[in-house]
All heavy atoms as atom14 arrays in JSON, in Angstrom:
{
  "sequence": "RYFVQRRLPDRLYEAPVVAGGEQSVDLTAAPWSVVELDQLVRKGGGP",
  "atom14_mask": [
    [1, 1, 1, 1, 1, 1, 1, 1, 1, 1, 1, 0, 0, 0],
    [1, 1, 1, 1, 1, 1, 1, 1, 1, 1, 1, 1, 0, 0],
    [1, 1, 1, 1, 1, 1, 1, 1, 1, 1, 1, 0, 0, 0],
    [1, 1, 1, 1, 1, 1, 1, 0, 0, 0, 0, 0, 0, 0],
    [1, 1, 1, 1, 1, 1, 1, 1, 1, 0, 0, 0, 0, 0],
    [1, 1, 1, 1, 1, 1, 1, 1, 1, 1, 1, 0, 0, 0],
    [1, 1, 1, 1, 1, 1, 1, 1, 1, 1, 1, 0, 0, 0],
    [1, 1, 1, 1, 1, 1, 1, 1, 0, 0, 0, 0, 0, 0],
    [1, 1, 1, 1, 1, 1, 1, 0, 0, 0, 0, 0, 0, 0],
    [1, 1, 1, 1, 1, 1, 1, 1, 0, 0, 0, 0, 0, 0],
    [1, 1, 1, 1, 1, 1, 1, 1, 1, 1, 1, 0, 0, 0],
    [1, 1, 1, 1, 1, 1, 1, 1, 0, 0, 0, 0, 0, 0],
    [1, 1, 1, 1, 1, 1, 1, 1, 1, 1, 1, 1, 0, 0],
    [1, 1, 1, 1, 1, 1, 1, 1, 1, 0, 0, 0, 0, 0],
    [1, 1, 1, 1, 1, 0, 0, 0, 0, 0, 0, 0, 0, 0],
    [1, 1, 1, 1, 1, 1, 1, 0, 0, 0, 0, 0, 0, 0],
    [1, 1, 1, 1, 1, 1, 1, 0, 0, 0, 0, 0, 0, 0],
    [1, 1, 1, 1, 1, 1, 1, 0, 0, 0, 0, 0, 0, 0],
    [1, 1, 1, 1, 1, 0, 0, 0, 0, 0, 0, 0, 0, 0],
    [1, 1, 1, 1, 0, 0, 0, 0, 0, 0, 0, 0, 0, 0],
    [1, 1, 1, 1, 0, 0, 0, 0, 0, 0, 0, 0, 0, 0],
    [1, 1, 1, 1, 1, 1, 1, 1, 1, 0, 0, 0, 0, 0],
    [1, 1, 1, 1, 1, 1, 1, 1, 1, 0, 0, 0, 0, 0],
    [1, 1, 1, 1, 1, 1, 0, 0, 0, 0, 0, 0, 0, 0],
    [1, 1, 1, 1, 1, 1, 1, 0, 0, 0, 0, 0, 0, 0],
    [1, 1, 1, 1, 1, 1, 1, 1, 0, 0, 0, 0, 0, 0],
    [1, 1, 1, 1, 1, 1, 1, 1, 0, 0, 0, 0, 0, 0],
    [1, 1, 1, 1, 1, 1, 1, 0, 0, 0, 0, 0, 0, 0],
    [1, 1, 1, 1, 1, 0, 0, 0, 0, 0, 0, 0, 0, 0],
    [1, 1, 1, 1, 1, 0, 0, 0, 0, 0, 0, 0, 0, 0],
    [1, 1, 1, 1, 1, 1, 1, 0, 0, 0, 0, 0, 0, 0],
    [1, 1, 1, 1, 1, 1, 1, 1, 1, 1, 1, 1, 1, 1],
    [1, 1, 1, 1, 1, 1, 0, 0, 0, 0, 0, 0, 0, 0],
    [1, 1, 1, 1, 1, 1, 1, 0, 0, 0, 0, 0, 0, 0],
    [1, 1, 1, 1, 1, 1, 1, 0, 0, 0, 0, 0, 0, 0],
    [1, 1, 1, 1, 1, 1, 1, 1, 1, 0, 0, 0, 0, 0],
    [1, 1, 1, 1, 1, 1, 1, 1, 0, 0, 0, 0, 0, 0],
    [1, 1, 1, 1, 1, 1, 1, 1, 0, 0, 0, 0, 0, 0],
    [1, 1, 1, 1, 1, 1, 1, 1, 1, 0, 0, 0, 0, 0],
    [1, 1, 1, 1, 1, 1, 1, 1, 0, 0, 0, 0, 0, 0],
    [1, 1, 1, 1, 1, 1, 1, 0, 0, 0, 0, 0, 0, 0],
    [1, 1, 1, 1, 1, 1, 1, 1, 1, 1, 1, 0, 0, 0],
    [1, 1, 1, 1, 1, 1, 1, 1, 1, 0, 0, 0, 0, 0],
    [1, 1, 1, 1, 0, 0, 0, 0, 0, 0, 0, 0, 0, 0],
    [1, 1, 1, 1, 0, 0, 0, 0, 0, 0, 0, 0, 0, 0],
    [1, 1, 1, 1, 0, 0, 0, 0, 0, 0, 0, 0, 0, 0],
    [1, 1, 1, 1, 1, 1, 1, 0, 0, 0, 0, 0, 0, 0]
  ],
  "atom14_positions": [
    [[0.85, -1.19, 0.01], [-0.01, 0.01, -0.03], [0.87, 1.24, 0.01], [1.86, 1.34, 0.81], [-0.91, 0.01, 1.23], [-1.91, -1.12, 1.23], [-2.84, -1.01, 2.45], [-3.79, -2.06, 2.47], [-5.02, -2.0, 1.88], [-5.36, -0.9, 1.29], [-5.87, -3.03, 1.9], [0.0, 0.0, 0.0], [0.0, 0.0, 0.0], [0.0, 0.0, 0.0]],
    [[0.52, 2.17, -0.88], [1.27, 3.44, -0.95], [0.34, 4.63, -0.92], [-0.87, 4.51, -1.37], [2.09, 3.46, -2.26], [3.13, 2.39, -2.31], [2.85, 1.18, -2.9], [4.39, 2.58, -1.8], [3.81, 0.15, -2.98], [5.32, 1.6, -1.86], [5.06, 0.38, -2.45], [6.03, -0.65, -2.49], [0.0, 0.0, 0.0], [0.0, 0.0, 0.0]],
    [[0.79, 5.71, -0.46], [0.05, 6.96, -0.54], [0.82, 7.84, -1.54], [1.98, 8.21, -1.28], [-0.03, 7.67, 0.86], [-0.96, 8.87, 0.84], [-2.27, 8.68, 1.05], [-0.46, 10.15, 0.68], [-3.14, 9.81, 1.02], [-1.24, 11.24, 0.67], [-2.63, 11.09, 0.82], [0.0, 0.0, 0.0], [0.0, 0.0, 0.0], [0.0, 0.0, 0.0]],
    [[0.18, 8.13, -2.63], [0.88, 8.81, -3.75], [0.39, 10.27, -3.81], [-0.78, 10.6, -3.75], [0.52, 8.1, -5.09], [1.28, 8.79, -6.27], [0.9, 6.63, -5.04], [0.0, 0.0, 0.0], [0.0, 0.0, 0.0], [0.0, 0.0, 0.0], [0.0, 0.0, 0.0], [0.0, 0.0, 0.0], [0.0, 0.0, 0.0], [0.0, 0.0, 0.0]],
    [[1.35, 11.16, -3.97], [1.11, 12.59, -4.16], [1.65, 13.02, -5.49], [2.83, 12.68, -5.81], [1.77, 13.38, -2.98], [1.16, 13.06, -1.63], [2.0, 13.74, -0.54], [3.22, 13.56, -0.43], [1.34, 14.4, 0.38], [0.0, 0.0, 0.0], [0.0, 0.0, 0.0], [0.0, 0.0, 0.0], [0.0, 0.0, 0.0], [0.0, 0.0, 0.0]],
    [[0.84, 13.75, -6.26], [1.27, 14.26, -7.52], [1.21, 15.79, -7.44], [0.17, 16.38, -7.23], [0.35, 13.77, -8.63], [0.64, 14.4, -10.02], [-0.29, 13.89, -11.08], [-0.25, 14.66, -12.3], [-1.28, 15.28, -12.89], [-2.5, 15.12, -12.31], [-1.15, 15.96, -13.94], [0.0, 0.0, 0.0], [0.0, 0.0, 0.0], [0.0, 0.0, 0.0]],
    [[2.39, 16.4, -7.53], [2.52, 17.85, -7.25], [2.58, 18.61, -8.6], [3.37, 18.3, -9.46], [3.81, 18.09, -6.49], [4.22, 19.47, -6.34], [3.49, 20.23, -5.24], [4.03, 21.54, -5.19], [5.15, 21.9, -4.53], [5.79, 20.99, -3.92], [5.56, 23.15, -4.55], [0.0, 0.0, 0.0], [0.0, 0.0, 0.0], [0.0, 0.0, 0.0]],
    [[1.72, 19.63, -8.73], [1.7, 20.64, -9.77], [2.0, 22.0, -9.19], [1.91, 22.14, -7.97], [0.41, 20.56, -10.56], [0.05, 19.29, -11.28], [-1.31, 19.37, -11.96], [1.13, 18.98, -12.29], [0.0, 0.0, 0.0], [0.0, 0.0, 0.0], [0.0, 0.0, 0.0], [0.0, 0.0, 0.0], [0.0, 0.0, 0.0], [0.0, 0.0, 0.0]],
    [[2.33, 22.96, -10.02], [2.69, 24.28, -9.43], [1.63, 24.87, -8.53], [1.98, 25.54, -7.53], [2.94, 25.14, -10.67], [3.31, 24.2, -11.74], [2.55, 22.95, -11.44], [0.0, 0.0, 0.0], [0.0, 0.0, 0.0], [0.0, 0.0, 0.0], [0.0, 0.0, 0.0], [0.0, 0.0, 0.0], [0.0, 0.0, 0.0], [0.0, 0.0, 0.0]],
    [[0.35, 24.63, -8.81], [-0.7, 25.34, -8.09], [-1.59, 24.44, -7.25], [-2.53, 24.86, -6.59], [-1.61, 26.17, -9.03], [-2.28, 25.26, -10.08], [-1.83, 24.11, -10.24], [-3.21, 25.75, -10.74], [0.0, 0.0, 0.0], [0.0, 0.0, 0.0], [0.0, 0.0, 0.0], [0.0, 0.0, 0.0], [0.0, 0.0, 0.0], [0.0, 0.0, 0.0]],
    [[-1.34, 23.12, -7.24], [-2.14, 22.22, -6.47], [-1.45, 20.87, -6.28], [-0.47, 20.62, -6.96], [-3.54, 22.06, -7.08], [-3.52, 21.5, -8.45], [-4.89, 21.64, -9.11], [-5.03, 21.09, -10.41], [-4.57, 21.64, -11.5], [-3.97, 22.81, -11.49], [-4.72, 21.05, -12.71], [0.0, 0.0, 0.0], [0.0, 0.0, 0.0], [0.0, 0.0, 0.0]],
    [[-2.07, 20.12, -5.45], [-1.5, 18.75, -5.13], [-2.61, 17.74, -5.18], [-3.72, 17.96, -4.7], [-0.91, 18.8, -3.72], [-0.32, 17.47, -3.17], [1.0, 17.17, -3.89], [-0.09, 17.55, -1.67], [0.0, 0.0, 0.0], [0.0, 0.0, 0.0], [0.0, 0.0, 0.0], [0.0, 0.0, 0.0], [0.0, 0.0, 0.0], [0.0, 0.0, 0.0]],
    [[-2.34, 16.64, -5.87], [-3.28, 15.5, -5.96], [-2.75, 14.43, -5.01], [-1.55, 14.19, -4.93], [-3.34, 14.95, -7.39], [-4.01, 15.85, -8.38], [-3.27, 16.72, -9.16], [-5.4, 15.8, -8.52], [-3.85, 17.53, -10.13], [-6.02, 16.63, -9.49], [-5.25, 17.5, -10.28], [-5.86, 18.26, -11.14], [0.0, 0.0, 0.0], [0.0, 0.0, 0.0]],
    [[-3.72, 13.75, -4.26], [-3.37, 12.74, -3.38], [-4.3, 11.51, -3.58], [-5.48, 11.69, -3.81], [-3.44, 13.24, -1.9], [-2.48, 14.34, -1.57], [-2.57, 14.73, -0.13], [-3.7, 14.68, 0.45], [-1.52, 15.21, 0.46], [0.0, 0.0, 0.0], [0.0, 0.0, 0.0], [0.0, 0.0, 0.0], [0.0, 0.0, 0.0], [0.0, 0.0, 0.0]],
    [[-3.74, 10.32, -3.45], [-4.55, 9.16, -3.58], [-3.86, 7.95, -2.93], [-2.66, 7.77, -3.02], [-4.79, 8.81, -5.06], [0.0, 0.0, 0.0], [0.0, 0.0, 0.0], [0.0, 0.0, 0.0], [0.0, 0.0, 0.0], [0.0, 0.0, 0.0], [0.0, 0.0, 0.0], [0.0, 0.0, 0.0], [0.0, 0.0, 0.0], [0.0, 0.0, 0.0]],
    [[-4.64, 7.12, -2.23], [-4.09, 5.78, -1.8], [-4.06, 4.84, -2.98], [-4.97, 4.75, -3.75], [-5.09, 5.34, -0.7], [-6.41, 5.96, -1.12], [-6.03, 7.3, -1.83], [0.0, 0.0, 0.0], [0.0, 0.0, 0.0], [0.0, 0.0, 0.0], [0.0, 0.0, 0.0], [0.0, 0.0, 0.0], [0.0, 0.0, 0.0], [0.0, 0.0, 0.0]],
    [[-2.99, 4.06, -3.08], [-2.79, 3.15, -4.17], [-2.38, 1.8, -3.6], [-1.46, 1.76, -2.78], [-1.8, 3.68, -5.18], [-1.44, 2.62, -6.21], [-2.24, 4.96, -5.83], [0.0, 0.0, 0.0], [0.0, 0.0, 0.0], [0.0, 0.0, 0.0], [0.0, 0.0, 0.0], [0.0, 0.0, 0.0], [0.0, 0.0, 0.0], [0.0, 0.0, 0.0]],
    [[-3.02, 0.75, -4.07], [-2.61, -0.59, -3.7], [-1.89, -1.25, -4.92], [-2.52, -1.38, -6.02], [-3.83, -1.49, -3.3], [-3.32, -2.89, -2.99], [-4.51, -0.88, -2.08], [0.0, 0.0, 0.0], [0.0, 0.0, 0.0], [0.0, 0.0, 0.0], [0.0, 0.0, 0.0], [0.0, 0.0, 0.0], [0.0, 0.0, 0.0], [0.0, 0.0, 0.0]],
    [[-0.65, -1.6, -4.77], [0.14, -2.19, -5.86], [0.33, -3.7, -5.54], [0.99, -4.05, -4.52], [1.49, -1.48, -5.99], [0.0, 0.0, 0.0], [0.0, 0.0, 0.0], [0.0, 0.0, 0.0], [0.0, 0.0, 0.0], [0.0, 0.0, 0.0], [0.0, 0.0, 0.0], [0.0, 0.0, 0.0], [0.0, 0.0, 0.0], [0.0, 0.0, 0.0]],
    [[-0.26, -4.55, -6.36], [-0.18, -5.99, -6.15], [0.93, -6.56, -6.97], [1.55, -5.93, -7.81], [0.0, 0.0, 0.0], [0.0, 0.0, 0.0], [0.0, 0.0, 0.0], [0.0, 0.0, 0.0], [0.0, 0.0, 0.0], [0.0, 0.0, 0.0], [0.0, 0.0, 0.0], [0.0, 0.0, 0.0], [0.0, 0.0, 0.0], [0.0, 0.0, 0.0]],
    [[1.32, -7.76, -6.63], [2.46, -8.44, -7.29], [2.14, -8.65, -8.79], [1.1, -9.16, -9.14], [0.0, 0.0, 0.0], [0.0, 0.0, 0.0], [0.0, 0.0, 0.0], [0.0, 0.0, 0.0], [0.0, 0.0, 0.0], [0.0, 0.0, 0.0], [0.0, 0.0, 0.0], [0.0, 0.0, 0.0], [0.0, 0.0, 0.0], [0.0, 0.0, 0.0]],
    [[3.07, -8.19, -9.65], [2.95, -8.26, -11.08], [1.7, -7.6, -11.64], [1.32, -7.83, -12.77], [3.0, -9.73, -11.53], [4.29, -10.44, -11.14], [4.39, -11.8, -11.76], [3.97, -12.0, -12.93], [4.99, -12.7, -11.1], [0.0, 0.0, 0.0], [0.0, 0.0, 0.0], [0.0, 0.0, 0.0], [0.0, 0.0, 0.0], [0.0, 0.0, 0.0]],
    [[1.08, -6.8, -10.82], [-0.14, -6.1, -11.22], [0.32, -4.71, -11.81], [1.14, -4.02, -11.22], [-1.1, -5.88, -10.01], [-2.26, -4.94, -10.34], [-3.06, -4.62, -9.1], [-2.79, -5.21, -8.05], [-4.0, -3.74, -9.19], [0.0, 0.0, 0.0], [0.0, 0.0, 0.0], [0.0, 0.0, 0.0], [0.0, 0.0, 0.0], [0.0, 0.0, 0.0]],
    [[-0.32, -4.32, -12.93], [-0.04, -3.04, -13.47], [-1.07, -2.03, -13.05], [-2.27, -2.28, -13.15], [0.01, -3.11, -15.01], [0.22, -1.88, -15.6], [0.0, 0.0, 0.0], [0.0, 0.0, 0.0], [0.0, 0.0, 0.0], [0.0, 0.0, 0.0], [0.0, 0.0, 0.0], [0.0, 0.0, 0.0], [0.0, 0.0, 0.0], [0.0, 0.0, 0.0]],
    [[-0.62, -0.9, -12.47], [-1.52, 0.14, -11.95], [-1.26, 1.37, -12.74], [-0.12, 1.88, -12.86], [-1.26, 0.42, -10.44], [-2.13, 1.53, -9.93], [-1.48, -0.83, -9.64], [0.0, 0.0, 0.0], [0.0, 0.0, 0.0], [0.0, 0.0, 0.0], [0.0, 0.0, 0.0], [0.0, 0.0, 0.0], [0.0, 0.0, 0.0], [0.0, 0.0, 0.0]],
    [[-2.32, 1.93, -13.33], [-2.25, 3.2, -14.05], [-2.76, 4.29, -13.19], [-3.94, 4.28, -12.8], [-3.06, 3.12, -15.38], [-2.75, 4.28, -16.29], [-2.29, 5.36, -15.75], [-2.92, 4.18, -17.51], [0.0, 0.0, 0.0], [0.0, 0.0, 0.0], [0.0, 0.0, 0.0], [0.0, 0.0, 0.0], [0.0, 0.0, 0.0], [0.0, 0.0, 0.0]],
    [[-1.94, 5.24, -12.83], [-2.3, 6.26, -11.86], [-3.35, 7.23, -12.41], [-3.94, 8.0, -11.64], [-1.09, 7.05, -11.38], [-0.1, 6.23, -10.5], [1.03, 7.16, -9.95], [-0.81, 5.56, -9.35], [0.0, 0.0, 0.0], [0.0, 0.0, 0.0], [0.0, 0.0, 0.0], [0.0, 0.0, 0.0], [0.0, 0.0, 0.0], [0.0, 0.0, 0.0]],
    [[-3.61, 7.27, -13.72], [-4.64, 8.1, -14.22], [-6.04, 7.7, -13.72], [-6.89, 8.51, -13.64], [-4.66, 8.08, -15.8], [-4.85, 6.71, -16.24], [-3.36, 8.64, -16.34], [0.0, 0.0, 0.0], [0.0, 0.0, 0.0], [0.0, 0.0, 0.0], [0.0, 0.0, 0.0], [0.0, 0.0, 0.0], [0.0, 0.0, 0.0], [0.0, 0.0, 0.0]],
    [[-6.16, 6.43, -13.31], [-7.41, 5.96, -12.75], [-7.44, 5.96, -11.25], [-8.42, 5.45, -10.67], [-7.67, 4.48, -13.29], [0.0, 0.0, 0.0], [0.0, 0.0, 0.0], [0.0, 0.0, 0.0], [0.0, 0.0, 0.0], [0.0, 0.0, 0.0], [0.0, 0.0, 0.0], [0.0, 0.0, 0.0], [0.0, 0.0, 0.0], [0.0, 0.0, 0.0]],
    [[-6.45, 6.49, -10.6], [-6.4, 6.54, -9.15], [-7.5, 7.47, -8.53], [-7.86, 8.44, -9.22], [-5.05, 6.98, -8.67], [0.0, 0.0, 0.0], [0.0, 0.0, 0.0], [0.0, 0.0, 0.0], [0.0, 0.0, 0.0], [0.0, 0.0, 0.0], [0.0, 0.0, 0.0], [0.0, 0.0, 0.0], [0.0, 0.0, 0.0], [0.0, 0.0, 0.0]],
    [[-7.99, 7.2, -7.37], [-9.05, 8.04, -6.8], [-8.46, 9.35, -6.21], [-8.43, 9.54, -4.95], [-9.63, 7.17, -5.7], [-8.51, 6.29, -5.26], [-7.71, 6.02, -6.53], [0.0, 0.0, 0.0], [0.0, 0.0, 0.0], [0.0, 0.0, 0.0], [0.0, 0.0, 0.0], [0.0, 0.0, 0.0], [0.0, 0.0, 0.0], [0.0, 0.0, 0.0]],
    [[-8.07, 10.25, -7.06], [-7.36, 11.4, -6.61], [-8.25, 12.37, -5.85], [-9.42, 12.61, -6.25], [-6.76, 12.19, -7.8], [-5.72, 11.48, -8.58], [-5.82, 10.95, -9.82], [-4.38, 11.22, -8.19], [-4.64, 10.36, -10.27], [-3.74, 10.5, -9.26], [-3.63, 11.49, -7.0], [-2.42, 10.05, -9.19], [-2.33, 11.05, -6.97], [-1.71, 10.38, -8.03]],
    [[-7.76, 12.97, -4.81], [-8.37, 14.1, -4.17], [-7.42, 15.28, -4.37], [-6.21, 15.12, -4.48], [-8.58, 13.89, -2.69], [-7.33, 13.64, -1.99], [0.0, 0.0, 0.0], [0.0, 0.0, 0.0], [0.0, 0.0, 0.0], [0.0, 0.0, 0.0], [0.0, 0.0, 0.0], [0.0, 0.0, 0.0], [0.0, 0.0, 0.0], [0.0, 0.0, 0.0]],
    [[-8.01, 16.53, -4.45], [-7.24, 17.7, -4.84], [-6.99, 18.52, -3.58], [-7.89, 18.83, -2.82], [-7.98, 18.52, -5.88], [-7.18, 19.76, -6.25], [-8.29, 17.67, -7.14], [0.0, 0.0, 0.0], [0.0, 0.0, 0.0], [0.0, 0.0, 0.0], [0.0, 0.0, 0.0], [0.0, 0.0, 0.0], [0.0, 0.0, 0.0], [0.0, 0.0, 0.0]],
    [[-5.76, 18.92, -3.43], [-5.36, 19.86, -2.38], [-5.04, 21.19, -3.13], [-4.13, 21.27, -3.95], [-4.12, 19.41, -1.61], [-3.69, 20.41, -0.57], [-4.36, 18.07, -0.96], [0.0, 0.0, 0.0], [0.0, 0.0, 0.0], [0.0, 0.0, 0.0], [0.0, 0.0, 0.0], [0.0, 0.0, 0.0], [0.0, 0.0, 0.0], [0.0, 0.0, 0.0]],
    [[-5.91, 22.2, -2.83], [-5.76, 23.46, -3.56], [-4.51, 24.25, -3.09], [-3.86, 23.86, -2.11], [-7.02, 24.34, -3.39], [-8.27, 23.69, -4.0], [-8.19, 23.69, -5.51], [-7.27, 24.31, -6.12], [-9.08, 23.02, -6.12], [0.0, 0.0, 0.0], [0.0, 0.0, 0.0], [0.0, 0.0, 0.0], [0.0, 0.0, 0.0], [0.0, 0.0, 0.0]],
    [[-4.26, 25.32, -3.77], [-3.02, 26.13, -3.51], [-2.98, 26.59, -2.08], [-1.92, 26.53, -1.44], [-2.91, 27.3, -4.51], [-1.73, 28.24, -4.29], [-0.44, 27.49, -4.49], [-1.82, 29.39, -5.29], [0.0, 0.0, 0.0], [0.0, 0.0, 0.0], [0.0, 0.0, 0.0], [0.0, 0.0, 0.0], [0.0, 0.0, 0.0], [0.0, 0.0, 0.0]],
    [[-4.08, 27.09, -1.53], [-4.01, 27.58, -0.18], [-3.72, 26.42, 0.82], [-2.98, 26.59, 1.77], [-5.32, 28.29, 0.19], [-6.52, 27.42, -0.04], [-6.53, 26.65, -0.98], [-7.51, 27.52, 0.77], [0.0, 0.0, 0.0], [0.0, 0.0, 0.0], [0.0, 0.0, 0.0], [0.0, 0.0, 0.0], [0.0, 0.0, 0.0], [0.0, 0.0, 0.0]],
    [[-4.3, 25.26, 0.56], [-4.02, 24.11, 1.42], [-2.56, 23.64, 1.26], [-1.95, 23.24, 2.21], [-4.98, 22.98, 1.07], [-6.44, 23.27, 1.39], [-7.37, 22.15, 0.92], [-7.57, 22.03, -0.29], [-7.93, 21.4, 1.78], [0.0, 0.0, 0.0], [0.0, 0.0, 0.0], [0.0, 0.0, 0.0], [0.0, 0.0, 0.0], [0.0, 0.0, 0.0]],
    [[-2.09, 23.71, 0.05], [-0.74, 23.35, -0.24], [0.22, 24.26, 0.47], [1.24, 23.83, 1.01], [-0.46, 23.41, -1.74], [0.79, 22.75, -2.26], [0.9, 21.3, -1.85], [0.91, 22.9, -3.74], [0.0, 0.0, 0.0], [0.0, 0.0, 0.0], [0.0, 0.0, 0.0], [0.0, 0.0, 0.0], [0.0, 0.0, 0.0], [0.0, 0.0, 0.0]],
    [[-0.08, 25.55, 0.53], [0.72, 26.51, 1.26], [0.77, 26.16, 2.7], [1.8, 26.14, 3.38], [0.18, 27.96, 1.01], [0.85, 28.94, 1.98], [0.48, 28.41, -0.39], [0.0, 0.0, 0.0], [0.0, 0.0, 0.0], [0.0, 0.0, 0.0], [0.0, 0.0, 0.0], [0.0, 0.0, 0.0], [0.0, 0.0, 0.0], [0.0, 0.0, 0.0]],
    [[-0.44, 25.85, 3.26], [-0.5, 25.55, 4.7], [0.24, 24.25, 5.05], [0.64, 24.09, 6.19], [-1.99, 25.5, 5.14], [-2.6, 26.9, 5.15], [-3.96, 26.85, 5.85], [-5.02, 26.23, 5.1], [-5.84, 26.86, 4.26], [-5.71, 28.17, 4.11], [-6.78, 26.23, 3.62], [0.0, 0.0, 0.0], [0.0, 0.0, 0.0], [0.0, 0.0, 0.0]],
    [[0.3, 23.35, 4.08], [1.06, 22.1, 4.29], [2.57, 22.37, 4.23], [3.36, 21.47, 4.55], [0.7, 21.08, 3.27], [-0.7, 20.44, 3.44], [-0.98, 19.55, 2.27], [-2.32, 18.81, 2.51], [-2.21, 17.66, 3.39], [0.0, 0.0, 0.0], [0.0, 0.0, 0.0], [0.0, 0.0, 0.0], [0.0, 0.0, 0.0], [0.0, 0.0, 0.0]],
    [[2.98, 23.58, 3.81], [4.34, 23.83, 3.66], [4.96, 23.2, 2.42], [6.18, 23.08, 2.31], [0.0, 0.0, 0.0], [0.0, 0.0, 0.0], [0.0, 0.0, 0.0], [0.0, 0.0, 0.0], [0.0, 0.0, 0.0], [0.0, 0.0, 0.0], [0.0, 0.0, 0.0], [0.0, 0.0, 0.0], [0.0, 0.0, 0.0], [0.0, 0.0, 0.0]],
    [[4.1, 22.78, 1.44], [4.59, 22.07, 0.29], [4.49, 22.83, -0.98], [4.62, 22.25, -2.06], [0.0, 0.0, 0.0], [0.0, 0.0, 0.0], [0.0, 0.0, 0.0], [0.0, 0.0, 0.0], [0.0, 0.0, 0.0], [0.0, 0.0, 0.0], [0.0, 0.0, 0.0], [0.0, 0.0, 0.0], [0.0, 0.0, 0.0], [0.0, 0.0, 0.0]],
    [[4.12, 24.08, -0.94], [3.93, 24.83, -2.14], [4.63, 26.19, -2.08], [5.56, 26.38, -1.27], [0.0, 0.0, 0.0], [0.0, 0.0, 0.0], [0.0, 0.0, 0.0], [0.0, 0.0, 0.0], [0.0, 0.0, 0.0], [0.0, 0.0, 0.0], [0.0, 0.0, 0.0], [0.0, 0.0, 0.0], [0.0, 0.0, 0.0], [0.0, 0.0, 0.0]],
    [[4.16, 27.16, -2.87], [4.71, 28.52, -2.73], [4.49, 29.06, -1.33], [3.73, 28.51, -0.53], [3.86, 29.32, -3.74], [3.34, 28.28, -4.73], [3.13, 27.03, -3.89], [0.0, 0.0, 0.0], [0.0, 0.0, 0.0], [0.0, 0.0, 0.0], [0.0, 0.0, 0.0], [0.0, 0.0, 0.0], [0.0, 0.0, 0.0], [0.0, 0.0, 0.0]]
  ]
}
């Protein structure tokens, strides 16, 4: 089990991902939640 974060300049995507043995996982289908710029700032991970 992994917690994946995808960082863009103005926001952050987050999703839990389960990677199984020899299983191919395409992150485009991950259940992403969006962290907006203000939340990203408060997390200390953005501008």
